[in-house]
C-alpha cells in the first residue's frame, strides 16, 4: 500500500497535520501509560515462584511491545510530515514491508528475552534439581537461542529479496569455507556438545586431570570454552576440544571419601600390637561417620626402620570435604588414645649408635691420661 494513501489530501495544506500527529502521540502516550499499569498489575498478581513461565512471558514482552508500537506510530508520522512539506515519498512505498520487519524483529526480541528470563528463573530456583540438570537447562537455553536466530534469519532474508535456493547454495559453499578456516573453533563447539551430551562434569563439580595441570571447580560451560576456578581462586579457561583427548577425574561424584593412613608404634611395644590393632578395628567399625557397607581394614602391615606400622583403611559416609576432615581427625585422635591406653607410644625416626668395646676402653684410658 502506498504511504500517501494513509494520509488524507486535505492534511497537506492545512494545520490539521499537526492535530493528527498530536492525536497519534497522545494516543500512544495513553497506551504506554495503560500498558505500564497493566504490566505492574500482572507482575503483582503472578507469583514468580509458582508461575515462572507466565512471569517470564510478561517481563519479556513488555519492553519489545512498547518499542514496536512507538516505532509503528513513527512510521505513520513520518509520511505525514513529508507530505506537508512536499517531500517526495515515493521511496516510502516499502513502508509496509518495514512494518512487517519491525513486527518480526519484535517477536524475535521477545523470544530471546523469554529464553533468558526462563533460564534466570528456573535454574537458580530449582534447588531440587541435580547440578547436571541445571547444566542441561543452560545448554538448552543456548541451543534455543541459536535455533530461534536461524529461523528468524530464514524468515527475514526472503522478505528482503533473497532467493531461498541461492541462499542455501551460498550457505553450503560458505559453510565449507568456514569449516576449513575455523576448524579449531568448530572442534571446540563439538567438544561443548559432547560435554552436554555425555555430561562427564557439570557446573559446580570439582574436576581434575592427571594428564594436564587442570584442577578446580567448574563455573561455566560455554560452546567454545569451559571456565574452571582453581583452588587458588584463579580462573582457568580450557578449550572444550581438549576434554575429548584427556582423562578427567570428577571427585564431586564420588560415593564416599577414603581414609588410608599408616601409624607406627615402637618396637618396644610389639607385645601389645595385636591388642592395639583389634581395638582400633572395633573403633572403626562402630564409628558413626564410617560407612560400614564399604571395606574396613586395620592390620599390622610392615616392619619399618623405626616402627611397627599399622594401616587404617576405611571410607566415610560423607563426601563433603570439611566434614570428611572432621571424621578423619576424630578417627586419628581415637587411634592415638588407644595406643596410649595400652602403654605404647607412637614411634618416631630414631638412630642407635653402636660403639665397639675396644673403642670404649681406649676412650676411657685416654680420659684417665688427660686427668
Protein backbone atom coordinates (compact mmCIF):
# COMPACT_ATOMS: atom_id res chain seq x y z
CA UNK A 1 0.00 0.00 0.00
CA UNK A 2 1.30 3.48 -0.90
CA UNK A 3 2.33 5.52 2.13
CA UNK A 4 0.44 8.55 0.78
CA UNK A 5 -2.80 6.62 0.90
CA UNK A 6 -2.82 6.61 4.68
CA UNK A 7 -2.83 10.45 4.79
CA UNK A 8 -5.91 12.41 3.66
CA UNK A 9 -5.02 15.01 0.99
CA UNK A 10 -6.61 17.83 2.98
CA UNK A 11 -3.93 17.45 5.62
CA UNK A 12 -1.26 18.63 3.23
CA UNK A 13 -2.06 22.34 3.09
CA UNK A 14 -3.73 22.91 6.43
CA UNK A 15 -2.62 22.70 10.04
CA UNK A 16 -4.69 19.57 10.54
CA UNK A 17 -1.50 17.55 10.10
CA UNK A 18 -0.25 18.87 13.45
CA UNK A 19 -3.50 17.88 15.11
CA UNK A 20 -3.28 14.39 13.57
CA UNK A 21 0.29 13.94 14.80
CA UNK A 22 -0.73 15.26 18.21
CA UNK A 23 -3.59 12.78 18.45
CA UNK A 24 -1.31 9.94 17.40
CA UNK A 25 1.29 10.87 20.01
CA UNK A 26 -1.33 11.45 22.71
CA UNK A 27 -2.94 8.09 21.96
CA UNK A 28 0.46 6.40 22.13
CA UNK A 29 1.28 8.10 25.43
CA UNK A 30 -2.05 6.95 26.91
CA UNK A 31 -1.46 3.45 25.57
CA UNK A 32 2.05 3.47 27.06
CA UNK A 33 0.72 4.58 30.45
CA UNK A 34 -2.08 1.99 30.47
CA UNK A 35 0.30 -0.79 29.40
CA UNK A 36 2.64 0.13 32.25
CA UNK A 37 -0.24 -0.11 34.72
CA UNK A 38 -1.31 -3.49 33.31
CA UNK A 39 2.31 -4.68 33.39
CA UNK A 40 2.75 -3.78 37.07
CA UNK A 41 -0.66 -5.25 37.94
CA UNK A 42 0.13 -8.56 36.27
CA UNK A 43 3.54 -8.81 37.97
CA UNK A 44 1.91 -8.19 41.34
CA UNK A 45 -0.67 -10.93 40.73
CA UNK A 46 1.55 -13.57 39.13
CA UNK A 47 3.81 -15.43 41.55
CA UNK A 48 7.42 -15.62 40.39
CA UNK A 49 7.80 -18.95 42.22
CA UNK A 50 4.52 -20.64 41.27
CA UNK A 51 4.20 -19.36 37.71
CA UNK A 52 7.70 -18.73 36.34
CA UNK A 53 6.53 -19.26 32.74
CA UNK A 54 3.82 -16.55 32.83
CA UNK A 55 6.00 -14.24 34.91
CA UNK A 56 8.85 -14.53 32.41
CA UNK A 57 6.48 -14.03 29.47
CA UNK A 58 5.04 -10.81 30.91
CA UNK A 59 8.52 -9.47 31.64
CA UNK A 60 9.77 -10.46 28.17
CA UNK A 61 7.02 -8.92 26.06
CA UNK A 62 6.65 -5.53 27.80
CA UNK A 63 9.66 -3.56 26.52
CA UNK A 64 9.73 -5.07 22.97
CA UNK A 65 5.98 -4.49 22.65
CA UNK A 66 6.15 -0.82 23.64
CA UNK A 67 9.15 -0.29 21.36
CA UNK A 68 7.24 -1.81 18.44
CA UNK A 69 4.19 0.43 18.91
CA UNK A 70 6.31 3.57 19.24
CA UNK A 71 8.12 2.71 16.01
CA UNK A 72 4.79 1.88 14.38
CA UNK A 73 3.40 5.31 15.30
CA UNK A 74 6.60 6.87 13.99
CA UNK A 75 6.09 5.07 10.67
CA UNK A 76 2.74 6.90 10.33
CA UNK A 77 4.04 10.28 11.46
CA UNK A 78 6.97 10.44 9.03
CA UNK A 79 4.81 10.30 5.83
CA UNK A 80 2.51 12.99 7.24
CA UNK A 81 5.44 15.35 7.82
CA UNK A 82 6.95 14.61 4.42
CA UNK A 83 3.64 15.28 2.64
CA UNK A 84 3.14 18.53 4.49
CA UNK A 85 6.48 19.86 3.36
CA UNK A 86 6.05 18.42 -0.17
CA UNK A 87 8.91 15.94 0.14
CA UNK A 88 8.93 13.06 -2.33
CA UNK A 89 7.70 9.95 -0.53
CA UNK A 90 7.79 7.56 -3.45
CA UNK A 91 10.66 5.69 -1.81
CA UNK A 92 8.43 5.06 1.24
CA UNK A 93 6.35 2.58 -0.73
CA UNK A 94 8.12 -0.20 1.15
CA UNK A 95 6.86 1.12 4.48
CA UNK A 96 4.53 -1.84 4.91
CA UNK A 97 7.48 -4.20 4.48
CA UNK A 98 9.36 -2.20 7.10
CA UNK A 99 6.43 -2.57 9.49
CA UNK A 100 6.42 -6.32 8.87
CA UNK A 101 10.14 -6.49 9.65
CA UNK A 102 9.52 -4.46 12.80
CA UNK A 103 6.91 -6.98 13.88
CA UNK A 104 9.22 -9.93 13.15
CA UNK A 105 12.10 -8.20 14.97
CA UNK A 106 9.88 -7.54 17.98
CA UNK A 107 8.81 -11.18 18.08
CA UNK A 108 12.47 -12.25 17.85
CA UNK A 109 13.45 -9.86 20.65
CA UNK A 110 10.59 -11.15 22.82
CA UNK A 111 11.55 -14.81 22.33
CA UNK A 112 15.19 -14.14 23.20
CA UNK A 113 14.08 -12.24 26.31
CA UNK A 114 11.76 -15.10 27.24
CA UNK A 115 14.52 -17.71 26.92
CA UNK A 116 16.87 -15.60 29.05
CA UNK A 117 14.22 -14.91 31.69
CA UNK A 118 13.31 -18.58 31.91
CA UNK A 119 16.96 -19.50 32.31
CA UNK A 120 17.33 -16.93 35.09
CA UNK A 121 14.14 -18.00 36.83
CA UNK A 122 14.28 -21.79 36.63
CA UNK A 123 17.98 -22.62 37.07
CA UNK A 124 18.74 -20.73 40.32
CA UNK A 125 15.40 -21.63 41.90
CA UNK A 126 15.41 -25.34 41.05
CA UNK A 127 17.26 -26.38 44.19
CA UNK A 128 15.70 -29.84 43.99
CA UNK A 129 17.33 -30.46 40.61
CA UNK A 130 20.75 -32.10 40.39
CA UNK A 131 23.57 -29.90 39.18
CA UNK A 132 23.76 -31.94 35.96
CA UNK A 133 20.15 -30.99 35.14
CA UNK A 134 20.90 -27.32 35.74
CA UNK A 135 23.76 -27.59 33.28
CA UNK A 136 21.40 -29.21 30.78
CA UNK A 137 18.91 -26.35 31.20
CA UNK A 138 21.63 -23.82 30.41
CA UNK A 139 22.67 -25.85 27.37
CA UNK A 140 19.06 -25.99 26.15
CA UNK A 141 18.77 -22.23 26.59
CA UNK A 142 21.88 -21.64 24.46
CA UNK A 143 20.69 -24.10 21.82
CA UNK A 144 17.24 -22.44 21.78
CA UNK A 145 18.80 -19.04 21.08
CA UNK A 146 20.71 -20.46 18.13
CA UNK A 147 17.65 -22.23 16.69
CA UNK A 148 15.45 -19.13 17.08
CA UNK A 149 18.10 -16.94 15.44
CA UNK A 150 18.44 -19.28 12.45
CA UNK A 151 14.66 -19.49 11.99
CA UNK A 152 14.21 -15.72 12.03
CA UNK A 153 17.11 -15.21 9.62
CA UNK A 154 15.46 -17.67 7.20
CA UNK A 155 12.17 -15.77 7.60
CA UNK A 156 13.64 -12.29 7.08
CA UNK A 157 16.00 -12.90 4.16
CA UNK A 158 13.31 -13.98 1.63
CA UNK A 159 11.37 -10.86 2.59
CA UNK A 160 14.41 -8.77 1.70
CA UNK A 161 14.53 -10.25 -1.80
CA UNK A 162 16.96 -13.12 -1.33
CA UNK A 163 16.12 -16.33 -3.19
CA UNK A 164 15.94 -19.35 -0.91
CA UNK A 165 17.71 -21.69 -3.37
CA UNK A 166 20.56 -19.22 -3.92
CA UNK A 167 20.78 -18.61 -0.22
CA UNK A 168 21.08 -22.33 0.51
CA UNK A 169 23.71 -22.82 -2.20
CA UNK A 170 25.73 -19.87 -0.97
CA UNK A 171 25.33 -21.09 2.59
CA UNK A 172 26.69 -24.53 1.64
CA UNK A 173 29.79 -23.12 -0.02
CA UNK A 174 30.26 -20.61 2.78
CA UNK A 175 29.88 -23.30 5.41
CA UNK A 176 32.56 -25.40 3.68
CA UNK A 177 35.00 -22.49 3.61
CA UNK A 178 34.14 -21.54 7.15
CA UNK A 179 34.75 -25.11 8.26
CA UNK A 180 38.31 -25.05 6.95
CA UNK A 181 39.01 -21.57 8.31
CA UNK A 182 37.57 -22.18 11.76
CA UNK A 183 38.19 -25.87 12.34
CA UNK A 184 39.61 -25.25 15.83
CA UNK A 185 36.56 -23.22 16.82
CA UNK A 186 34.25 -25.89 15.39
CA UNK A 187 36.09 -28.62 17.25
CA UNK A 188 35.60 -26.64 20.45
CA UNK A 189 31.89 -26.27 19.71
CA UNK A 190 31.58 -30.02 19.05
CA UNK A 191 33.52 -30.64 22.24
CA UNK A 192 31.00 -28.48 24.09
CA UNK A 193 28.16 -30.51 22.61
CA UNK A 194 29.81 -33.73 23.76
CA UNK A 195 30.15 -32.30 27.29
CA UNK A 196 26.42 -31.50 27.30
CA UNK A 197 25.62 -34.93 25.84
CA UNK A 198 27.92 -37.21 27.88
CA UNK A 199 27.99 -34.94 30.96
CA UNK A 200 31.34 -36.05 32.42
CA UNK A 201 31.05 -33.00 34.65
CA UNK A 202 28.61 -30.20 35.37
CA UNK A 203 28.69 -26.66 36.68
CA UNK A 204 29.73 -26.77 40.34
CA UNK A 205 31.72 -30.03 40.05
CA UNK A 206 35.29 -30.32 41.26
CA UNK A 207 37.34 -31.91 38.48
CA UNK A 208 40.99 -32.69 37.83
CA UNK A 209 43.07 -34.20 35.05
CA UNK A 210 46.12 -36.41 35.64
CA UNK A 211 47.15 -35.68 32.03
CA UNK A 212 47.21 -31.89 32.36
CA UNK A 213 47.63 -29.41 35.16
CA UNK A 214 43.88 -28.88 35.45
CA UNK A 215 42.09 -28.91 38.79
CA UNK A 216 39.32 -26.79 40.23
CA UNK A 217 35.59 -26.13 40.31
CA UNK A 218 33.64 -25.80 37.05
CA UNK A 219 31.99 -22.36 36.93
CA UNK A 220 30.73 -22.13 33.35
CA UNK A 221 30.43 -24.41 30.33
CA UNK A 222 30.21 -22.47 27.08
CA UNK A 223 30.14 -23.56 23.45
CA UNK A 224 33.85 -22.89 23.00
CA UNK A 225 35.43 -22.63 26.45
CA UNK A 226 34.89 -24.02 29.93
CA UNK A 227 35.81 -21.80 32.86
CA UNK A 228 37.32 -23.56 35.89
CA UNK A 229 38.08 -21.80 39.18
CA UNK A 230 41.28 -23.22 40.66
CA UNK A 231 41.77 -23.63 44.40
CA UNK A 232 43.97 -20.52 44.33
CA UNK A 233 40.84 -18.68 43.04
CA UNK A 234 42.30 -18.07 39.60
CA UNK A 235 40.10 -18.61 36.53
CA UNK A 236 41.29 -21.29 34.12
CA UNK A 237 39.83 -21.23 30.58
CA UNK A 238 40.01 -24.62 28.86
CA UNK A 239 39.03 -25.19 25.18
CA UNK A 240 36.24 -27.76 25.03
CA UNK A 241 38.05 -29.84 22.40
CA UNK A 242 40.74 -30.65 24.97
CA UNK A 243 38.29 -32.67 27.07
CA UNK A 244 37.92 -35.26 24.30
CA UNK A 245 41.63 -36.13 24.47
CA UNK A 246 42.40 -36.15 28.21
CA UNK A 247 41.34 -38.15 31.25
CA UNK A 248 39.00 -36.31 33.60
CA UNK A 249 38.59 -37.25 37.27
CA UNK A 250 35.38 -36.00 38.86
CA UNK A 251 35.73 -36.28 42.65
CA UNK A 252 32.42 -34.44 43.11
CA UNK A 253 30.58 -37.62 42.09
CA UNK A 254 32.39 -39.92 44.49
CA UNK A 255 30.13 -42.04 46.68
CA UNK A 256 32.48 -41.95 49.70
CA UNK A 257 35.79 -40.43 50.77
CA UNK A 258 38.68 -42.70 51.62
CA UNK A 259 40.75 -42.82 54.82
CA UNK A 260 44.03 -44.58 54.15
CA UNK A 261 46.62 -43.81 56.84
CA UNK A 262 49.55 -45.57 58.47
CA UNK A 263 50.50 -45.11 62.12
CA UNK A 264 53.66 -46.58 63.63
CA UNK A 265 54.32 -47.83 67.18
CA UNK A 266 57.69 -48.55 68.78
CA UNK A 267 59.39 -51.95 68.54
CA UNK A 268 59.33 -51.95 72.35
CA UNK A 269 55.53 -52.22 72.14
CA UNK A 270 55.45 -55.35 69.97
CA UNK A 271 53.82 -57.36 72.77
CA UNK A 272 50.62 -55.26 72.72
CA UNK A 273 50.35 -54.53 69.00
CA UNK A 274 47.79 -57.28 68.40
CA UNK A 275 45.52 -55.70 71.03
CA UNK A 276 46.01 -52.22 69.57
CA UNK A 277 45.04 -53.46 66.12
CA UNK A 278 41.94 -55.21 67.46
CA UNK A 279 40.72 -52.18 69.42
CA UNK A 280 41.29 -49.74 66.53
CA UNK A 281 39.38 -52.11 64.24
CA UNK A 282 36.46 -52.21 66.71
CA UNK A 283 36.51 -48.41 66.98
CA UNK A 284 36.37 -48.01 63.19
CA UNK A 285 33.52 -50.49 62.82
CA UNK A 286 31.43 -48.64 65.40
CA UNK A 287 32.25 -45.09 64.32
CA UNK A 288 29.10 -43.18 63.20
CA UNK A 289 30.98 -41.36 60.43
CA UNK A 290 32.32 -44.53 58.76
CA UNK A 291 30.33 -46.32 56.06
CA UNK A 292 30.04 -49.90 57.30
CA UNK A 293 28.98 -51.20 53.88
CA UNK A 294 32.42 -50.44 52.43
CA UNK A 295 35.72 -52.24 53.04
CA UNK A 296 37.17 -51.69 56.52
CA UNK A 297 40.69 -52.99 57.18
CA UNK A 298 43.01 -52.40 60.13
CA UNK A 299 46.19 -54.51 60.01
CA UNK A 300 49.78 -54.61 61.14
CA UNK A 301 51.45 -54.34 57.74
CA UNK A 302 55.14 -53.54 57.99
CA UNK A 303 58.39 -53.79 59.91
CA UNK A 304 59.65 -50.28 59.21
CA UNK A 305 63.04 -48.86 60.08
CA UNK A 306 61.93 -47.31 63.35
CA UNK A 307 58.40 -48.58 63.86
CA UNK A 308 55.83 -51.32 63.56
CA UNK A 309 53.31 -49.88 61.10
CA UNK A 310 49.53 -50.27 61.35
CA UNK A 311 47.38 -49.38 58.35
CA UNK A 312 43.88 -47.91 58.79
CA UNK A 313 41.69 -48.25 55.68
CA UNK A 314 38.02 -47.16 55.62
CA UNK A 315 35.50 -44.91 53.87
CA UNK A 316 33.47 -42.06 55.34
CA UNK A 317 29.76 -41.67 54.77
CA UNK A 318 30.09 -38.03 53.80
CA UNK A 319 31.72 -36.71 50.64
CA UNK A 320 31.83 -33.14 51.92
CA UNK A 321 35.48 -32.12 52.26
CA UNK A 322 35.14 -30.27 55.58
CA UNK A 323 33.03 -32.99 57.23
CA UNK A 324 35.36 -35.68 55.91
CA UNK A 325 38.33 -33.98 57.59
CA UNK A 326 36.40 -33.85 60.87
CA UNK A 327 35.65 -37.57 60.73
CA UNK A 328 39.25 -38.40 59.80
CA UNK A 329 40.58 -36.25 62.64
CA UNK A 330 38.30 -37.99 65.13
CA UNK A 331 39.49 -41.42 63.91
CA UNK A 332 43.15 -40.41 64.24
CA UNK A 333 42.71 -38.97 67.75
CA UNK A 334 40.90 -42.10 68.94
CA UNK A 335 43.63 -44.29 67.42
CA UNK A 336 46.29 -42.33 69.36
CA UNK A 337 44.24 -42.69 72.56
CA UNK A 338 44.00 -46.48 72.05
CA UNK A 339 47.77 -46.73 71.58
CA UNK A 340 48.42 -44.74 74.76
CA UNK A 341 45.83 -46.74 76.74
CA UNK A 342 47.94 -49.87 76.14
CA UNK A 343 51.05 -48.17 77.49
CA UNK A 344 52.52 -47.87 74.00
CA UNK A 345 53.76 -44.84 72.13
CA UNK A 346 53.69 -43.65 68.53
CA UNK A 347 57.12 -44.16 67.02
CA UNK A 348 59.33 -41.51 65.51
CA UNK A 349 62.53 -41.93 63.48
CA UNK A 350 65.48 -42.91 65.75
CA UNK A 351 69.13 -43.80 65.23
CA UNK A 352 71.10 -46.17 67.50
CA UNK A 353 74.86 -45.73 67.65
CA UNK A 354 76.75 -48.95 68.49
CA UNK A 355 80.28 -48.36 69.91
CA UNK A 356 82.65 -51.40 69.88
CA UNK A 357 84.09 -52.43 73.29
CA UNK A 358 87.72 -51.81 72.24
CA UNK A 359 86.90 -48.26 71.23
CA UNK A 360 85.13 -47.73 74.55
CA UNK A 361 88.20 -48.95 76.55
CA UNK A 362 90.51 -46.72 74.53
CA UNK A 363 88.34 -43.73 75.18
CA UNK A 364 88.28 -44.44 78.91
CA UNK A 365 92.11 -44.82 79.01
CA UNK A 366 92.59 -41.57 77.14
CA UNK A 367 90.28 -39.84 79.56
CA UNK A 368 92.35 -41.09 82.55
CA UNK A 369 95.59 -39.83 81.00
CA UNK A 370 94.04 -36.44 80.46
CA UNK A 371 93.02 -36.20 84.10
